[in-house]
Amino acid sequence: MDVILSLPWPLRPEAEKAFLMRCRELAEQGEERVLIRCDETPHPSTRVLTLLLNIAHLAPYGPPQWRVIDAQENLLEALRLTGLDHWFKNGTDEEAIA
């Protein structure tokens, strides 16, 4: 079963920390598919990309089969340009972001 988390917006330190802690818990539990909904994220700010990079670093706990969903095209393009799209792939998908 997929777990869907909504990226908090606007990003504030407390919300950002809580979101990352929840992601860490899911990774440690071996959750195979986590969908990170970015529908309220209006632009790919440095904070957003840094948070997604921190989530990508959770990969040692399990396979990186997490996806970014419902994101605006500018965020998707930023993920591609920074290489973060690689970390949100799973074993069967050509594209890691939807």
C-alpha atoms as a PDB file:
ATOM      1  CA  MET A   1       0.000   0.000   0.000  1.00  0.00           C
ATOM      2  CA  ASP A   2       1.272   3.467  -0.866  1.00  0.00           C
ATOM      3  CA  VAL A   3       1.873   6.055   1.818  1.00  0.00           C
ATOM      4  CA  ILE A   4       1.084   9.593   0.701  1.00  0.00           C
ATOM      5  CA  LEU A   5       2.716  12.535   2.459  1.00  0.00           C
ATOM      6  CA  SER A   6       2.024  16.152   1.576  1.00  0.00           C
ATOM      7  CA  LEU A   7       5.078  18.390   1.519  1.00  0.00           C
ATOM      8  CA  PRO A   8       4.291  21.182   3.981  1.00  0.00           C
ATOM      9  CA  TRP A   9       3.955  24.652   2.508  1.00  0.00           C
ATOM     10  CA  PRO A  10       5.100  27.173   3.380  1.00  0.00           C
ATOM     11  CA  LEU A  11       8.188  25.464   4.741  1.00  0.00           C
ATOM     12  CA  ARG A  12       8.865  26.510   8.281  1.00  0.00           C
ATOM     13  CA  PRO A  13      11.623  24.955  10.399  1.00  0.00           C
ATOM     14  CA  GLU A  14       9.227  23.064  12.686  1.00  0.00           C
ATOM     15  CA  ALA A  15       7.134  21.670   9.829  1.00  0.00           C
ATOM     16  CA  GLU A  16      10.237  20.823   7.818  1.00  0.00           C
ATOM     17  CA  LYS A  17      11.794  18.940  10.749  1.00  0.00           C
ATOM     18  CA  ALA A  18       8.564  17.042  11.486  1.00  0.00           C
ATOM     19  CA  PHE A  19       8.195  16.072   7.823  1.00  0.00           C
ATOM     20  CA  LEU A  20      11.771  14.810   7.614  1.00  0.00           C
ATOM     21  CA  MET A  21      11.353  12.849  10.860  1.00  0.00           C
ATOM     22  CA  ARG A  22       8.207  11.197   9.474  1.00  0.00           C
ATOM     23  CA  CYS A  23      10.096  10.293   6.299  1.00  0.00           C
ATOM     24  CA  ARG A  24      12.940   8.842   8.372  1.00  0.00           C
ATOM     25  CA  GLU A  25      10.462   6.727  10.372  1.00  0.00           C
ATOM     26  CA  LEU A  26       8.929   5.371   7.183  1.00  0.00           C
ATOM     27  CA  ALA A  27      12.353   4.573   5.719  1.00  0.00           C
ATOM     28  CA  GLU A  28      13.457   2.786   8.887  1.00  0.00           C
ATOM     29  CA  GLN A  29      10.221   0.767   8.874  1.00  0.00           C
ATOM     30  CA  GLY A  30      11.084  -0.354   5.342  1.00  0.00           C
ATOM     31  CA  GLU A  31       8.120   1.344   3.697  1.00  0.00           C
ATOM     32  CA  GLU A  32       8.548   0.497   0.030  1.00  0.00           C
ATOM     33  CA  ARG A  33       6.499   3.177  -1.687  1.00  0.00           C
ATOM     34  CA  VAL A  34       6.046   6.667  -0.396  1.00  0.00           C
ATOM     35  CA  LEU A  35       4.459   9.339  -2.554  1.00  0.00           C
ATOM     36  CA  ILE A  36       5.416  12.902  -1.694  1.00  0.00           C
ATOM     37  CA  ARG A  37       2.659  15.236  -2.849  1.00  0.00           C
ATOM     38  CA  CYS A  38       3.961  18.670  -3.830  1.00  0.00           C
ATOM     39  CA  ASP A  39       0.718  20.220  -5.073  1.00  0.00           C
ATOM     40  CA  GLU A  40       1.001  23.264  -2.783  1.00  0.00           C
ATOM     41  CA  THR A  41       4.665  23.952  -3.559  1.00  0.00           C
ATOM     42  CA  PRO A  42       4.620  26.913  -5.963  1.00  0.00           C
ATOM     43  CA  HIS A  43       8.309  26.939  -6.902  1.00  0.00           C
ATOM     44  CA  PRO A  44      11.489  24.906  -6.408  1.00  0.00           C
ATOM     45  CA  SER A  45      13.055  26.954  -3.643  1.00  0.00           C
ATOM     46  CA  THR A  46      16.408  26.019  -2.187  1.00  0.00           C
ATOM     47  CA  ARG A  47      14.638  24.854   0.982  1.00  0.00           C
ATOM     48  CA  VAL A  48      12.373  22.517  -0.983  1.00  0.00           C
ATOM     49  CA  LEU A  49      15.284  21.022  -2.904  1.00  0.00           C
ATOM     50  CA  THR A  50      17.361  20.696   0.273  1.00  0.00           C
ATOM     51  CA  LEU A  51      14.507  18.907   2.026  1.00  0.00           C
ATOM     52  CA  LEU A  52      14.137  16.505  -0.912  1.00  0.00           C
ATOM     53  CA  LEU A  53      17.910  15.942  -0.888  1.00  0.00           C
ATOM     54  CA  ASN A  54      17.730  15.095   2.833  1.00  0.00           C
ATOM     55  CA  ILE A  55      14.955  12.619   2.069  1.00  0.00           C
ATOM     56  CA  ALA A  56      17.100  11.096  -0.697  1.00  0.00           C
ATOM     57  CA  HIS A  57      19.857  10.525   1.877  1.00  0.00           C
ATOM     58  CA  LEU A  58      17.500   8.162   3.712  1.00  0.00           C
ATOM     59  CA  ALA A  59      18.150   5.599   0.949  1.00  0.00           C
ATOM     60  CA  PRO A  60      20.600   3.493   3.064  1.00  0.00           C
ATOM     61  CA  TYR A  61      17.606   2.414   5.159  1.00  0.00           C
ATOM     62  CA  GLY A  62      15.911   0.853   2.147  1.00  0.00           C
ATOM     63  CA  PRO A  63      15.538   1.048  -1.611  1.00  0.00           C
ATOM     64  CA  PRO A  64      14.788   4.534  -2.952  1.00  0.00           C
ATOM     65  CA  GLN A  65      11.308   3.836  -4.279  1.00  0.00           C
ATOM     66  CA  TRP A  66       9.760   7.121  -3.337  1.00  0.00           C
ATOM     67  CA  ARG A  67       8.081   9.431  -5.808  1.00  0.00           C
ATOM     68  CA  VAL A  68       7.213  13.085  -6.072  1.00  0.00           C
ATOM     69  CA  ILE A  69       3.634  13.519  -7.285  1.00  0.00           C
ATOM     70  CA  ASP A  70       1.336  16.408  -8.190  1.00  0.00           C
ATOM     71  CA  ALA A  71       4.258  18.794  -8.603  1.00  0.00           C
ATOM     72  CA  GLN A  72       4.320  21.792 -10.891  1.00  0.00           C
ATOM     73  CA  GLU A  73       6.512  21.562 -13.978  1.00  0.00           C
ATOM     74  CA  ASN A  74       9.116  23.981 -12.598  1.00  0.00           C
ATOM     75  CA  LEU A  75       9.717  21.724  -9.587  1.00  0.00           C
ATOM     76  CA  LEU A  76       9.932  18.644 -11.789  1.00  0.00           C
ATOM     77  CA  GLU A  77      12.462  20.385 -14.024  1.00  0.00           C
ATOM     78  CA  ALA A  78      14.526  21.421 -10.978  1.00  0.00           C
ATOM     79  CA  LEU A  79      14.575  17.789  -9.830  1.00  0.00           C
ATOM     80  CA  ARG A  80      15.820  16.711 -13.244  1.00  0.00           C
ATOM     81  CA  LEU A  81      18.464  19.447 -13.435  1.00  0.00           C
ATOM     82  CA  THR A  82      19.844  18.702  -9.971  1.00  0.00           C
ATOM     83  CA  GLY A  83      19.807  14.933 -10.439  1.00  0.00           C
ATOM     84  CA  LEU A  84      17.362  14.443  -7.589  1.00  0.00           C
ATOM     85  CA  ASP A  85      14.982  12.642  -9.940  1.00  0.00           C
ATOM     86  CA  HIS A  86      17.409   9.696  -9.745  1.00  0.00           C
ATOM     87  CA  TRP A  87      16.780   9.248  -6.014  1.00  0.00           C
ATOM     88  CA  PHE A  88      13.029   9.047  -6.398  1.00  0.00           C
ATOM     89  CA  LYS A  89      13.093   6.101  -8.834  1.00  0.00           C
ATOM     90  CA  ASN A  90      11.900   2.620  -8.178  1.00  0.00           C
ATOM     91  CA  GLY A  91      12.972  -0.577  -9.847  1.00  0.00           C
ATOM     92  CA  THR A  92      10.237  -0.719 -12.472  1.00  0.00           C
ATOM     93  CA  ASP A  93       9.603   2.904 -13.407  1.00  0.00           C
ATOM     94  CA  GLU A  94      11.393   4.752 -16.172  1.00  0.00           C
ATOM     95  CA  GLU A  95      10.396   8.052 -14.605  1.00  0.00           C
ATOM     96  CA  ALA A  96      10.678   8.612 -10.897  1.00  0.00           C
ATOM     97  CA  ILE A  97       8.518  11.673 -10.831  1.00  0.00           C
ATOM     98  CA  ALA A  98       4.868  11.861 -11.817  1.00  0.00           C
END
